Amino acid sequence: MKTLSERKPFEKTKWELVPGATALVVIDPQNDFLDPDGWYAQSGVDISHMRRTIEPTKNLVEEARLRDVPIVWTRHGFHDERDAGVFLRLRPFLKEGGLRINSWGYEIHDEVGARPDDWYVEKNRLSAFYNTNLELILRSLSAETVLFAGVLTNQCVAATSKDANFRDFKPIVVEEATGTTLPHLHDPAIEMISVGWGEVRGLEAALSELQAL
């Protein structure tokens, strides 16, 4: 163990997955974000960086199931401009559609491996903890370490992992399993997470530690 004098002021953390107390939270892997026929792609947004998360997320989900690690999926959406908040002013292309509750675009993308008996959280703000039952779910699952995947790195993933830290969970963001609409913001967001409030690890490291549980 390093002495205080040997530690760097902003040294990156490393948290071991706690057997029986680890959960996987996948942020908003919805059709409107990830599918070429979804609202984002059809509105001219480049979704390639978000789509890169599909296979890594699928791998994480498969390994988590083998180790009995519970999986929580979040979905971002709203009925219309009344409950979307100021977010809709920042995304005017969503005014006429997209991320609408009970629509095809709102649903989890088929390729990532969600199942009906998993846990689901409905949200309409960037943090999946805000006015939802996510904390209640994680507490009921006795979660201490929480793996995070999903979109968008610099928005909902960053906000939710930060809020996890605020609630004394240990957030671990899996880098290859996160993506964004603005790829130039991905690395800065990852660095902010890694020196600010959580651990960032690669997919292979995450899979290896899941396998060791």
C-alpha atoms as a PDB file:
ATOM      1  CA  MET A   1       0.000   0.000   0.000  1.00  0.00           C
ATOM      2  CA  LYS A   2       1.301   3.429  -0.926  1.00  0.00           C
ATOM      3  CA  THR A   3       2.053   5.977   1.777  1.00  0.00           C
ATOM      4  CA  LEU A   4       0.365   9.362   1.628  1.00  0.00           C
ATOM      5  CA  SER A   5       3.542  10.978   0.294  1.00  0.00           C
ATOM      6  CA  GLU A   6       3.695   8.440  -2.553  1.00  0.00           C
ATOM      7  CA  ARG A   7       0.154   9.050  -3.755  1.00  0.00           C
ATOM      8  CA  LYS A   8      -0.635  11.460  -6.567  1.00  0.00           C
ATOM      9  CA  PRO A   9      -3.249  14.114  -5.743  1.00  0.00           C
ATOM     10  CA  PHE A  10      -5.617  12.852  -8.485  1.00  0.00           C
ATOM     11  CA  GLU A  11      -4.621   9.217  -8.690  1.00  0.00           C
ATOM     12  CA  LYS A  12      -7.115   7.057 -10.542  1.00  0.00           C
ATOM     13  CA  THR A  13      -9.041   4.642  -8.390  1.00  0.00           C
ATOM     14  CA  LYS A  14      -9.476   0.896  -8.752  1.00  0.00           C
ATOM     15  CA  TRP A  15     -12.420  -0.874  -7.161  1.00  0.00           C
ATOM     16  CA  GLU A  16     -12.725  -4.636  -7.028  1.00  0.00           C
ATOM     17  CA  LEU A  17     -16.110  -6.075  -7.914  1.00  0.00           C
ATOM     18  CA  VAL A  18     -17.781  -7.275  -4.719  1.00  0.00           C
ATOM     19  CA  PRO A  19     -19.165 -10.829  -5.051  1.00  0.00           C
ATOM     20  CA  GLY A  20     -22.899 -10.827  -4.437  1.00  0.00           C
ATOM     21  CA  ALA A  21     -22.922  -7.028  -4.261  1.00  0.00           C
ATOM     22  CA  THR A  22     -22.325  -5.978  -7.871  1.00  0.00           C
ATOM     23  CA  ALA A  23     -24.874  -4.783 -10.438  1.00  0.00           C
ATOM     24  CA  LEU A  24     -24.707  -3.810 -14.114  1.00  0.00           C
ATOM     25  CA  VAL A  25     -26.607  -0.669 -15.123  1.00  0.00           C
ATOM     26  CA  VAL A  26     -27.046  -0.029 -18.850  1.00  0.00           C
ATOM     27  CA  ILE A  27     -28.030   3.548 -19.621  1.00  0.00           C
ATOM     28  CA  ASP A  28     -30.586   4.193 -22.384  1.00  0.00           C
ATOM     29  CA  PRO A  29     -29.651   1.662 -25.113  1.00  0.00           C
ATOM     30  CA  GLN A  30     -32.873   2.562 -26.926  1.00  0.00           C
ATOM     31  CA  ASN A  31     -33.882   2.317 -30.556  1.00  0.00           C
ATOM     32  CA  ASP A  32     -34.063   6.082 -31.003  1.00  0.00           C
ATOM     33  CA  PHE A  33     -30.387   6.324 -30.020  1.00  0.00           C
ATOM     34  CA  LEU A  34     -28.906   3.135 -31.490  1.00  0.00           C
ATOM     35  CA  ASP A  35     -30.988   2.033 -34.471  1.00  0.00           C
ATOM     36  CA  PRO A  36     -30.465   3.444 -37.993  1.00  0.00           C
ATOM     37  CA  ASP A  37     -34.252   3.802 -38.195  1.00  0.00           C
ATOM     38  CA  GLY A  38     -34.378   5.594 -34.849  1.00  0.00           C
ATOM     39  CA  TRP A  39     -35.198   9.258 -34.381  1.00  0.00           C
ATOM     40  CA  TYR A  40     -31.600  10.405 -33.879  1.00  0.00           C
ATOM     41  CA  ALA A  41     -30.273   8.814 -37.067  1.00  0.00           C
ATOM     42  CA  GLN A  42     -33.327   9.876 -39.058  1.00  0.00           C
ATOM     43  CA  SER A  43     -32.763  13.440 -37.813  1.00  0.00           C
ATOM     44  CA  GLY A  44     -29.255  13.477 -39.256  1.00  0.00           C
ATOM     45  CA  VAL A  45     -27.318  12.694 -36.083  1.00  0.00           C
ATOM     46  CA  ASP A  46     -24.248  10.481 -36.556  1.00  0.00           C
ATOM     47  CA  ILE A  47     -24.952   7.498 -34.295  1.00  0.00           C
ATOM     48  CA  SER A  48     -21.847   5.463 -35.175  1.00  0.00           C
ATOM     49  CA  HIS A  49     -20.067   6.186 -31.882  1.00  0.00           C
ATOM     50  CA  MET A  50     -23.154   5.147 -29.941  1.00  0.00           C
ATOM     51  CA  ARG A  51     -23.573   1.996 -32.028  1.00  0.00           C
ATOM     52  CA  ARG A  52     -20.053   0.913 -31.128  1.00  0.00           C
ATOM     53  CA  THR A  53     -21.439   0.139 -27.667  1.00  0.00           C
ATOM     54  CA  ILE A  54     -23.782  -2.627 -28.855  1.00  0.00           C
ATOM     55  CA  GLU A  55     -21.360  -5.549 -28.979  1.00  0.00           C
ATOM     56  CA  PRO A  56     -19.426  -4.640 -25.788  1.00  0.00           C
ATOM     57  CA  THR A  57     -22.709  -4.180 -23.930  1.00  0.00           C
ATOM     58  CA  LYS A  58     -23.961  -7.528 -25.184  1.00  0.00           C
ATOM     59  CA  ASN A  59     -20.727  -9.146 -23.946  1.00  0.00           C
ATOM     60  CA  LEU A  60     -21.083  -7.551 -20.515  1.00  0.00           C
ATOM     61  CA  VAL A  61     -24.706  -8.635 -20.253  1.00  0.00           C
ATOM     62  CA  GLU A  62     -23.926 -12.223 -21.207  1.00  0.00           C
ATOM     63  CA  GLU A  63     -21.113 -12.463 -18.660  1.00  0.00           C
ATOM     64  CA  ALA A  64     -23.210 -10.797 -15.961  1.00  0.00           C
ATOM     65  CA  ARG A  65     -25.969 -13.372 -16.474  1.00  0.00           C
ATOM     66  CA  LEU A  66     -23.500 -16.234 -16.112  1.00  0.00           C
ATOM     67  CA  ARG A  67     -22.354 -14.799 -12.759  1.00  0.00           C
ATOM     68  CA  ASP A  68     -25.848 -13.953 -11.461  1.00  0.00           C
ATOM     69  CA  VAL A  69     -25.053 -10.243 -11.542  1.00  0.00           C
ATOM     70  CA  PRO A  70     -28.384  -8.356 -11.756  1.00  0.00           C
ATOM     71  CA  ILE A  71     -28.919  -6.144 -14.805  1.00  0.00           C
ATOM     72  CA  VAL A  72     -30.748  -2.823 -14.708  1.00  0.00           C
ATOM     73  CA  TRP A  73     -31.809  -1.063 -17.913  1.00  0.00           C
ATOM     74  CA  THR A  74     -32.789   2.606 -18.055  1.00  0.00           C
ATOM     75  CA  ARG A  75     -34.968   4.268 -20.674  1.00  0.00           C
ATOM     76  CA  HIS A  76     -35.096   8.002 -21.259  1.00  0.00           C
ATOM     77  CA  GLY A  77     -38.360   9.463 -22.480  1.00  0.00           C
ATOM     78  CA  PHE A  78     -41.328  11.741 -22.056  1.00  0.00           C
ATOM     79  CA  HIS A  79     -44.872  12.253 -23.287  1.00  0.00           C
ATOM     80  CA  ASP A  80     -44.354  15.701 -24.833  1.00  0.00           C
ATOM     81  CA  GLU A  81     -42.766  19.069 -24.178  1.00  0.00           C
ATOM     82  CA  ARG A  82     -44.623  19.417 -20.865  1.00  0.00           C
ATOM     83  CA  ASP A  83     -42.640  16.722 -19.032  1.00  0.00           C
ATOM     84  CA  ALA A  84     -39.443  16.857 -21.107  1.00  0.00           C
ATOM     85  CA  GLY A  85     -38.166  19.924 -19.300  1.00  0.00           C
ATOM     86  CA  VAL A  86     -35.580  22.347 -20.650  1.00  0.00           C
ATOM     87  CA  PHE A  87     -33.837  19.393 -22.317  1.00  0.00           C
ATOM     88  CA  LEU A  88     -36.235  19.783 -25.242  1.00  0.00           C
ATOM     89  CA  ARG A  89     -35.047  23.357 -25.774  1.00  0.00           C
ATOM     90  CA  LEU A  90     -31.513  21.992 -26.174  1.00  0.00           C
ATOM     91  CA  ARG A  91     -32.719  19.314 -28.633  1.00  0.00           C
ATOM     92  CA  PRO A  92     -35.283  20.998 -30.912  1.00  0.00           C
ATOM     93  CA  PHE A  93     -35.224  18.017 -33.293  1.00  0.00           C
ATOM     94  CA  LEU A  94     -37.042  16.075 -30.557  1.00  0.00           C
ATOM     95  CA  LYS A  95     -39.982  18.468 -30.460  1.00  0.00           C
ATOM     96  CA  GLU A  96     -41.987  16.581 -33.067  1.00  0.00           C
ATOM     97  CA  GLY A  97     -40.982  13.076 -31.964  1.00  0.00           C
ATOM     98  CA  GLY A  98     -38.323  10.778 -30.587  1.00  0.00           C
ATOM     99  CA  LEU A  99     -37.886   9.281 -27.112  1.00  0.00           C
ATOM    100  CA  ARG A 100     -41.656   9.189 -26.689  1.00  0.00           C
ATOM    101  CA  ILE A 101     -42.913   6.853 -23.988  1.00  0.00           C
ATOM    102  CA  ASN A 102     -44.601   3.705 -25.372  1.00  0.00           C
ATOM    103  CA  SER A 103     -43.129   4.218 -28.850  1.00  0.00           C
ATOM    104  CA  TRP A 104     -40.843   1.782 -30.697  1.00  0.00           C
ATOM    105  CA  GLY A 105     -37.977   4.273 -30.387  1.00  0.00           C
ATOM    106  CA  TYR A 106     -38.347   4.287 -26.609  1.00  0.00           C
ATOM    107  CA  GLU A 107     -37.781   0.536 -26.314  1.00  0.00           C
ATOM    108  CA  ILE A 108     -34.460  -1.191 -25.606  1.00  0.00           C
ATOM    109  CA  HIS A 109     -32.575  -2.122 -28.781  1.00  0.00           C
ATOM    110  CA  ASP A 110     -32.932  -5.816 -29.609  1.00  0.00           C
ATOM    111  CA  GLU A 111     -29.213  -6.499 -30.007  1.00  0.00           C
ATOM    112  CA  VAL A 112     -28.064  -5.712 -26.476  1.00  0.00           C
ATOM    113  CA  GLY A 113     -29.705  -8.691 -24.808  1.00  0.00           C
ATOM    114  CA  ALA A 114     -32.371  -7.322 -22.478  1.00  0.00           C
ATOM    115  CA  ARG A 115     -34.908  -9.743 -20.993  1.00  0.00           C
ATOM    116  CA  PRO A 116     -38.369  -9.079 -19.560  1.00  0.00           C
ATOM    117  CA  ASP A 117     -37.345 -10.312 -16.096  1.00  0.00           C
ATOM    118  CA  ASP A 118     -34.482  -7.816 -15.789  1.00  0.00           C
ATOM    119  CA  TRP A 119     -34.861  -4.580 -13.829  1.00  0.00           C
ATOM    120  CA  TYR A 120     -36.095  -1.461 -15.679  1.00  0.00           C
ATOM    121  CA  VAL A 121     -35.999   2.208 -14.716  1.00  0.00           C
ATOM    122  CA  GLU A 122     -37.944   4.928 -16.513  1.00  0.00           C
ATOM    123  CA  LYS A 123     -36.338   8.366 -16.474  1.00  0.00           C
ATOM    124  CA  ASN A 124     -36.792  11.753 -18.108  1.00  0.00           C
ATOM    125  CA  ARG A 125     -33.749  13.610 -16.841  1.00  0.00           C
ATOM    126  CA  LEU A 126     -30.048  12.949 -17.487  1.00  0.00           C
ATOM    127  CA  SER A 127     -29.380  11.203 -14.195  1.00  0.00           C
ATOM    128  CA  ALA A 128     -31.135   7.855 -13.843  1.00  0.00           C
ATOM    129  CA  PHE A 129     -31.337   8.516 -10.101  1.00  0.00           C
ATOM    130  CA  TYR A 130     -33.424  11.683 -10.423  1.00  0.00           C
ATOM    131  CA  ASN A 131     -37.033  10.991  -9.350  1.00  0.00           C
ATOM    132  CA  THR A 132     -36.745   7.274 -10.142  1.00  0.00           C
ATOM    133  CA  ASN A 133     -36.511   4.048  -8.142  1.00  0.00           C
ATOM    134  CA  LEU A 134     -32.963   3.213  -9.263  1.00  0.00           C
ATOM    135  CA  GLU A 135     -31.461   3.728  -5.817  1.00  0.00           C
ATOM    136  CA  LEU A 136     -34.197   1.599  -4.253  1.00  0.00           C
ATOM    137  CA  ILE A 137     -33.469  -1.189  -6.750  1.00  0.00           C
ATOM    138  CA  LEU A 138     -29.717  -1.092  -6.145  1.00  0.00           C
ATOM    139  CA  ARG A 139     -30.182  -1.042  -2.363  1.00  0.00           C
ATOM    140  CA  SER A 140     -32.564  -4.003  -2.560  1.00  0.00           C
ATOM    141  CA  LEU A 141     -29.920  -5.859  -4.597  1.00  0.00           C
ATOM    142  CA  SER A 142     -27.290  -5.016  -1.931  1.00  0.00           C
ATOM    143  CA  ALA A 143     -25.145  -3.416  -4.627  1.00  0.00           C
ATOM    144  CA  GLU A 144     -21.838  -1.852  -3.648  1.00  0.00           C
ATOM    145  CA  THR A 145     -19.949  -1.830  -6.944  1.00  0.00           C
ATOM    146  CA  VAL A 146     -21.953  -0.797 -10.013  1.00  0.00           C
ATOM    147  CA  LEU A 147     -20.777  -1.323 -13.585  1.00  0.00           C
ATOM    148  CA  PHE A 148     -22.055   1.268 -16.065  1.00  0.00           C
ATOM    149  CA  ALA A 149     -22.514   1.027 -19.835  1.00  0.00           C
ATOM    150  CA  GLY A 150     -24.658   2.946 -22.317  1.00  0.00           C
ATOM    151  CA  VAL A 151     -25.186   6.360 -23.845  1.00  0.00           C
ATOM    152  CA  LEU A 152     -24.364   9.207 -23.841  1.00  0.00           C
ATOM    153  CA  THR A 153     -20.918   9.224 -22.237  1.00  0.00           C
ATOM    154  CA  ASN A 154     -20.844  12.946 -21.538  1.00  0.00           C
ATOM    155  CA  GLN A 155     -24.470  13.218 -20.490  1.00  0.00           C
ATOM    156  CA  CYS A 156     -26.542  10.415 -18.959  1.00  0.00           C
ATOM    157  CA  VAL A 157     -23.615   8.084 -18.227  1.00  0.00           C
ATOM    158  CA  ALA A 158     -21.620  10.870 -16.596  1.00  0.00           C
ATOM    159  CA  ALA A 159     -24.609  12.218 -14.663  1.00  0.00           C
ATOM    160  CA  THR A 160     -25.763   8.814 -13.413  1.00  0.00           C
ATOM    161  CA  SER A 161     -22.309   7.568 -12.428  1.00  0.00           C
ATOM    162  CA  LYS A 162     -21.699  10.824 -10.556  1.00  0.00           C
ATOM    163  CA  ASP A 163     -25.002  10.474  -8.723  1.00  0.00           C
ATOM    164  CA  ALA A 164     -24.032   6.884  -7.870  1.00  0.00           C
ATOM    165  CA  ASN A 165     -20.932   8.257  -6.158  1.00  0.00           C
ATOM    166  CA  PHE A 166     -23.091  10.774  -4.272  1.00  0.00           C
ATOM    167  CA  ARG A 167     -25.062   7.820  -2.882  1.00  0.00           C
ATOM    168  CA  ASP A 168     -21.901   5.943  -1.839  1.00  0.00           C
ATOM    169  CA  PHE A 169     -22.027   3.304  -4.553  1.00  0.00           C
ATOM    170  CA  LYS A 170     -18.720   2.634  -6.319  1.00  0.00           C
ATOM    171  CA  PRO A 171     -19.299   3.421 -10.015  1.00  0.00           C
ATOM    172  CA  ILE A 172     -17.217   1.639 -12.659  1.00  0.00           C
ATOM    173  CA  VAL A 173     -17.687   2.877 -16.238  1.00  0.00           C
ATOM    174  CA  VAL A 174     -16.731   0.426 -18.999  1.00  0.00           C
ATOM    175  CA  GLU A 175     -15.127   2.594 -21.662  1.00  0.00           C
ATOM    176  CA  GLU A 176     -15.849   0.598 -24.832  1.00  0.00           C
ATOM    177  CA  ALA A 177     -19.452   0.109 -23.745  1.00  0.00           C
ATOM    178  CA  THR A 178     -20.151   3.854 -23.694  1.00  0.00           C
ATOM    179  CA  GLY A 179     -20.678   6.218 -26.603  1.00  0.00           C
ATOM    180  CA  THR A 180     -21.987   9.630 -27.565  1.00  0.00           C
ATOM    181  CA  THR A 181     -23.344  11.778 -30.387  1.00  0.00           C
ATOM    182  CA  LEU A 182     -20.276  14.034 -30.171  1.00  0.00           C
ATOM    183  CA  PRO A 183     -17.235  11.709 -30.139  1.00  0.00           C
ATOM    184  CA  HIS A 184     -14.797  14.542 -29.401  1.00  0.00           C
ATOM    185  CA  LEU A 185     -16.450  14.835 -25.973  1.00  0.00           C
ATOM    186  CA  HIS A 186     -16.070  11.147 -25.114  1.00  0.00           C
ATOM    187  CA  ASP A 187     -12.447  11.181 -23.942  1.00  0.00           C
ATOM    188  CA  PRO A 188     -12.813  14.353 -21.858  1.00  0.00           C
ATOM    189  CA  ALA A 189     -15.900  12.883 -20.194  1.00  0.00           C
ATOM    190  CA  ILE A 190     -14.066   9.627 -19.502  1.00  0.00           C
ATOM    191  CA  GLU A 191     -11.179  11.540 -17.937  1.00  0.00           C
ATOM    192  CA  MET A 192     -13.514  13.599 -15.767  1.00  0.00           C
ATOM    193  CA  ILE A 193     -15.142  10.419 -14.495  1.00  0.00           C
ATOM    194  CA  SER A 194     -11.839   8.666 -13.833  1.00  0.00           C
ATOM    195  CA  VAL A 195     -10.297  11.498 -11.810  1.00  0.00           C
ATOM    196  CA  GLY A 196     -13.514  12.850 -10.349  1.00  0.00           C
ATOM    197  CA  TRP A 197     -15.971  10.282  -9.072  1.00  0.00           C
ATOM    198  CA  GLY A 198     -15.484   6.776 -10.445  1.00  0.00           C
ATOM    199  CA  GLU A 199     -13.336   4.147 -12.039  1.00  0.00           C
ATOM    200  CA  VAL A 200     -13.033   3.711 -15.793  1.00  0.00           C
ATOM    201  CA  ARG A 201     -11.886   0.332 -17.037  1.00  0.00           C
ATOM    202  CA  GLY A 202     -11.619  -1.455 -20.364  1.00  0.00           C
ATOM    203  CA  LEU A 203     -14.002  -4.130 -21.536  1.00  0.00           C
ATOM    204  CA  GLU A 204     -11.518  -7.003 -21.209  1.00  0.00           C
ATOM    205  CA  ALA A 205     -10.705  -6.061 -17.616  1.00  0.00           C
ATOM    206  CA  ALA A 206     -14.390  -5.841 -16.770  1.00  0.00           C
ATOM    207  CA  LEU A 207     -15.145  -9.204 -18.356  1.00  0.00           C
ATOM    208  CA  SER A 208     -12.186 -10.847 -16.626  1.00  0.00           C
ATOM    209  CA  GLU A 209     -13.252  -9.648 -13.217  1.00  0.00           C
ATOM    210  CA  LEU A 210     -16.833 -10.706 -13.836  1.00  0.00           C
ATOM    211  CA  GLN A 211     -15.565 -14.153 -14.747  1.00  0.00           C
ATOM    212  CA  ALA A 212     -13.659 -14.299 -11.464  1.00  0.00           C
ATOM    213  CA  LEU A 213     -16.701 -13.588  -9.312  1.00  0.00           C
END
